[in-house]
Amino acid sequence: MDAGLFGGTFNPLHNGHIGIIKYVKQAFHLQKIFLFPSATPPHKSAIDLAPIQDRLDMVRAGVAELDGFYTSDVELKRKGPSFTIDTINDFKRSPFETISQSPPNFFLLMGSDAFFDITTWKNQELIFKAIPIIVMLRGERTGIAPIASFIDEHISKGYKLNIRQKKFTHEQMQPVHICNVPKIDISSTMIRERVKANRSIKELVPANVENIIKKKDLYK
């Protein structure tokens, strides 16, 4: 079974997140996608950051009716900053007998912005050894060249690009896949600003997420 791991602050989860990962799930024939909110994101400001339990509840509510999508509290259980390499290892150590007869083949999903920031992440070299990565390019049809240059300069000169498959391969490291996903002009910042201005966020977030924001009076 192939499964995707998709992390983020999800502050809040919105329909852009959902549309993109639904696209990746279909494009890569992933049976499952696990979403995990960052409890203490090391690269994000705490300003306007909703409590982790509220963000977890929003993710859980937002994907509850979507087939093959799961919410994980793995980073909620761990103390200290939420480092991706630790989360990857936690998933690999977790029992998955209730989901599959064998451990999933995991892929790490990330946007291009996060990918270009990966050199600042804890043990980033171990991430490339531990798990294949799917880099999501939002509406960019010629965006592979900058990624190729970045990989060659900052990750490893051993990666080779198969342009037809949109995949970088390496003899000692995991592959890096490129996926051109639909450009959806929705952001968490936009939603928080609309809530502060008492403007509607209907159609921007799942109805269950909107209900939690209103009930908890978030982002005011």
Protein backbone atom coordinates (compact mmCIF):
# COMPACT_ATOMS: atom_id res chain seq x y z
CA MET A 1 0.00 0.00 0.00
CA ASP A 2 1.25 3.47 -0.92
CA ALA A 3 0.43 6.25 1.53
CA GLY A 4 1.14 9.98 1.68
CA LEU A 5 2.20 12.02 4.70
CA PHE A 6 1.11 15.66 4.64
CA GLY A 7 2.00 17.96 7.49
CA GLY A 8 1.49 21.63 8.19
CA THR A 9 0.14 24.11 10.66
CA PHE A 10 -3.34 23.85 9.06
CA ASN A 11 -4.21 27.19 10.62
CA PRO A 12 -6.87 26.48 9.46
CA LEU A 13 -7.29 23.57 7.05
CA HIS A 14 -8.99 24.90 3.91
CA ASN A 15 -10.40 23.72 0.62
CA GLY A 16 -7.12 24.51 -1.15
CA HIS A 17 -5.32 21.94 1.00
CA ILE A 18 -8.01 19.38 0.30
CA GLY A 19 -8.18 19.99 -3.44
CA ILE A 20 -4.42 19.65 -3.84
CA ILE A 21 -3.97 16.46 -1.82
CA LYS A 22 -6.99 14.85 -3.49
CA TYR A 23 -5.26 15.55 -6.81
CA VAL A 24 -1.96 14.03 -5.60
CA LYS A 25 -3.74 11.00 -4.17
CA GLN A 26 -5.23 10.24 -7.55
CA ALA A 27 -2.14 11.11 -9.60
CA PHE A 28 0.14 8.83 -7.56
CA HIS A 29 -2.46 6.14 -6.84
CA LEU A 30 -2.08 6.56 -3.09
CA GLN A 31 -4.46 4.45 -1.06
CA LYS A 32 -4.18 6.63 2.06
CA ILE A 33 -3.08 10.13 3.01
CA PHE A 34 -2.31 10.98 6.63
CA LEU A 35 -2.56 14.64 7.65
CA PHE A 36 -0.65 15.68 10.76
CA PRO A 37 -0.88 19.21 12.22
CA SER A 38 2.39 20.61 13.58
CA ALA A 39 2.11 20.99 17.34
CA THR A 40 5.05 23.40 17.72
CA PRO A 41 6.26 24.38 14.23
CA PRO A 42 9.90 25.52 14.50
CA HIS A 43 9.70 27.84 11.47
CA LYS A 44 6.35 29.51 12.15
CA SER A 45 5.40 32.42 14.36
CA ALA A 46 2.95 31.72 17.18
CA ILE A 47 1.00 34.85 16.24
CA ASP A 48 -2.53 33.92 15.15
CA LEU A 49 -1.69 30.24 15.63
CA ALA A 50 -4.73 28.42 16.96
CA PRO A 51 -4.17 25.86 19.75
CA ILE A 52 -2.99 22.52 18.44
CA GLN A 53 -6.08 20.69 19.69
CA ASP A 54 -8.33 23.09 17.75
CA ARG A 55 -6.25 22.70 14.61
CA LEU A 56 -6.31 18.92 15.02
CA ASP A 57 -10.09 19.00 15.44
CA MET A 58 -10.44 21.13 12.30
CA VAL A 59 -8.36 18.71 10.23
CA ARG A 60 -10.23 15.72 11.60
CA ALA A 61 -13.60 17.36 10.86
CA GLY A 62 -12.49 18.58 7.44
CA VAL A 63 -11.52 15.15 6.08
CA ALA A 64 -13.98 13.02 8.06
CA GLU A 65 -16.15 12.27 5.04
CA LEU A 66 -13.30 11.82 2.53
CA ASP A 67 -12.39 8.26 1.63
CA GLY A 68 -8.78 7.34 2.32
CA PHE A 69 -7.89 10.43 4.37
CA TYR A 70 -6.75 10.10 7.99
CA THR A 71 -5.80 12.56 10.71
CA SER A 72 -2.81 11.85 12.97
CA ASP A 73 -2.02 13.38 16.36
CA VAL A 74 1.57 12.10 16.21
CA GLU A 75 3.06 15.57 16.76
CA LEU A 76 0.58 16.37 19.51
CA LYS A 77 1.94 13.42 21.51
CA ARG A 78 5.58 14.46 21.18
CA LYS A 79 7.15 17.17 23.34
CA GLY A 80 9.19 20.03 21.93
CA PRO A 81 9.38 21.39 18.35
CA SER A 82 7.69 19.39 15.59
CA PHE A 83 10.52 18.09 13.41
CA THR A 84 9.54 16.23 10.24
CA ILE A 85 12.27 13.59 10.47
CA ASP A 86 10.94 12.55 13.89
CA THR A 87 7.40 12.32 12.52
CA ILE A 88 8.56 10.19 9.57
CA ASN A 89 10.27 7.80 11.96
CA ASP A 90 7.19 7.68 14.18
CA PHE A 91 5.02 6.69 11.23
CA LYS A 92 7.48 4.01 10.16
CA ARG A 93 7.46 2.53 13.65
CA SER A 94 3.67 2.58 13.98
CA PRO A 95 1.62 -0.62 13.62
CA PHE A 96 -0.72 -0.51 10.63
CA GLU A 97 -2.40 -3.89 10.87
CA THR A 98 -5.85 -2.27 10.96
CA ILE A 99 -5.17 -0.48 7.67
CA SER A 100 -3.06 -2.92 5.70
CA GLN A 101 -1.53 -6.36 6.01
CA SER A 102 1.93 -4.86 5.54
CA PRO A 103 3.54 -1.49 6.43
CA PRO A 104 2.71 1.25 3.90
CA ASN A 105 5.22 2.65 1.44
CA PHE A 106 5.23 6.25 2.61
CA PHE A 107 5.67 9.38 0.50
CA LEU A 108 6.22 12.84 2.02
CA LEU A 109 4.04 15.51 0.39
CA MET A 110 5.22 19.11 0.46
CA GLY A 111 4.69 22.34 -1.41
CA SER A 112 7.54 23.92 -3.36
CA ASP A 113 7.92 26.70 -0.75
CA ALA A 114 8.53 24.14 1.98
CA PHE A 115 10.89 22.18 -0.27
CA PHE A 116 13.07 25.22 -0.93
CA ASP A 117 13.21 25.78 2.84
CA ILE A 118 14.20 22.20 3.63
CA THR A 119 17.89 23.00 4.16
CA THR A 120 16.87 24.73 7.42
CA TRP A 121 15.09 21.61 8.71
CA LYS A 122 16.49 19.28 11.34
CA ASN A 123 18.54 16.43 9.81
CA GLN A 124 17.32 17.28 6.33
CA GLU A 125 19.83 14.86 4.79
CA LEU A 126 18.17 12.00 6.69
CA ILE A 127 14.77 12.95 5.24
CA PHE A 128 16.07 12.30 1.71
CA LYS A 129 17.40 8.93 2.84
CA ALA A 130 14.25 7.96 4.73
CA ILE A 131 11.34 8.67 2.39
CA PRO A 132 10.43 9.51 -1.22
CA ILE A 133 9.24 13.10 -1.58
CA ILE A 134 6.45 14.48 -3.76
CA VAL A 135 6.96 18.18 -4.42
CA MET A 136 3.70 19.89 -5.31
CA LEU A 137 4.01 22.74 -7.82
CA ARG A 138 0.84 24.81 -7.81
CA GLY A 139 -0.03 25.57 -11.41
CA GLU A 140 3.63 25.83 -12.44
CA ARG A 141 4.32 24.02 -15.72
CA THR A 142 7.97 25.03 -16.04
CA GLY A 143 8.96 24.82 -12.39
CA ILE A 144 11.28 21.81 -12.52
CA ALA A 145 14.45 23.75 -13.48
CA PRO A 146 14.70 25.72 -10.20
CA ILE A 147 14.15 22.50 -8.23
CA ALA A 148 16.86 20.74 -10.24
CA SER A 149 19.31 23.56 -9.48
CA PHE A 150 18.36 23.55 -5.80
CA ILE A 151 18.80 19.79 -5.47
CA ASP A 152 22.16 19.89 -7.24
CA GLU A 153 23.48 22.78 -5.12
CA HIS A 154 22.01 22.05 -1.71
CA ILE A 155 21.03 18.37 -1.50
CA SER A 156 23.24 16.15 -3.65
CA LYS A 157 24.91 16.22 -7.05
CA GLY A 158 24.08 12.52 -7.33
CA TYR A 159 20.44 13.11 -8.23
CA LYS A 160 19.51 12.55 -11.89
CA LEU A 161 16.38 13.97 -13.49
CA ASN A 162 14.07 11.85 -15.62
CA ILE A 163 12.18 14.66 -17.30
CA ARG A 164 9.53 12.36 -18.80
CA GLN A 165 8.65 10.88 -15.42
CA LYS A 166 9.23 14.18 -13.58
CA LYS A 167 11.34 12.33 -11.06
CA PHE A 168 14.83 12.75 -9.58
CA THR A 169 16.61 9.50 -8.68
CA HIS A 170 19.73 8.80 -6.65
CA GLU A 171 21.72 5.63 -6.01
CA GLN A 172 21.85 6.10 -2.22
CA MET A 173 18.85 8.35 -1.54
CA GLN A 174 15.11 8.25 -2.05
CA PRO A 175 13.55 9.70 -5.21
CA VAL A 176 12.04 13.16 -5.47
CA HIS A 177 8.86 13.34 -7.56
CA ILE A 178 7.38 16.48 -9.10
CA CYS A 179 3.60 16.90 -9.27
CA ASN A 180 1.97 19.88 -10.99
CA VAL A 181 -1.17 20.43 -8.96
CA PRO A 182 -4.08 22.81 -9.66
CA LYS A 183 -3.55 26.42 -8.61
CA ILE A 184 -6.17 27.15 -5.96
CA ASP A 185 -6.09 30.74 -4.71
CA ILE A 186 -6.93 30.06 -1.08
CA SER A 187 -4.59 30.52 1.86
CA SER A 188 -4.86 30.17 5.62
CA THR A 189 -3.75 33.80 5.95
CA MET A 190 -6.61 34.92 3.71
CA ILE A 191 -9.10 33.00 5.83
CA ARG A 192 -7.80 34.39 9.13
CA GLU A 193 -7.97 37.94 7.74
CA ARG A 194 -11.53 37.41 6.55
CA VAL A 195 -12.56 36.08 9.97
CA LYS A 196 -11.00 39.14 11.66
CA ALA A 197 -12.92 41.40 9.30
CA ASN A 198 -16.17 39.48 9.90
CA ARG A 199 -16.31 38.44 6.27
CA SER A 200 -17.67 35.12 5.06
CA ILE A 201 -15.35 32.12 4.66
CA LYS A 202 -18.07 29.93 3.20
CA GLU A 203 -16.77 27.84 0.27
CA LEU A 204 -13.17 28.49 1.41
CA VAL A 205 -13.19 25.88 4.17
CA PRO A 206 -15.25 22.73 4.77
CA ALA A 207 -18.50 23.47 6.60
CA ASN A 208 -17.36 21.49 9.65
CA VAL A 209 -14.19 23.59 9.85
CA GLU A 210 -16.19 26.81 9.62
CA ASN A 211 -18.39 25.59 12.47
CA ILE A 212 -15.37 24.97 14.72
CA ILE A 213 -13.92 28.42 13.94
CA LYS A 214 -17.20 30.04 14.88
CA LYS A 215 -17.82 27.88 17.96
CA LYS A 216 -14.28 28.40 19.33
CA ASP A 217 -14.19 32.07 18.25
CA LEU A 218 -10.85 31.49 16.54
CA TYR A 219 -8.82 34.13 14.69
CA LYS A 220 -10.68 37.12 16.12
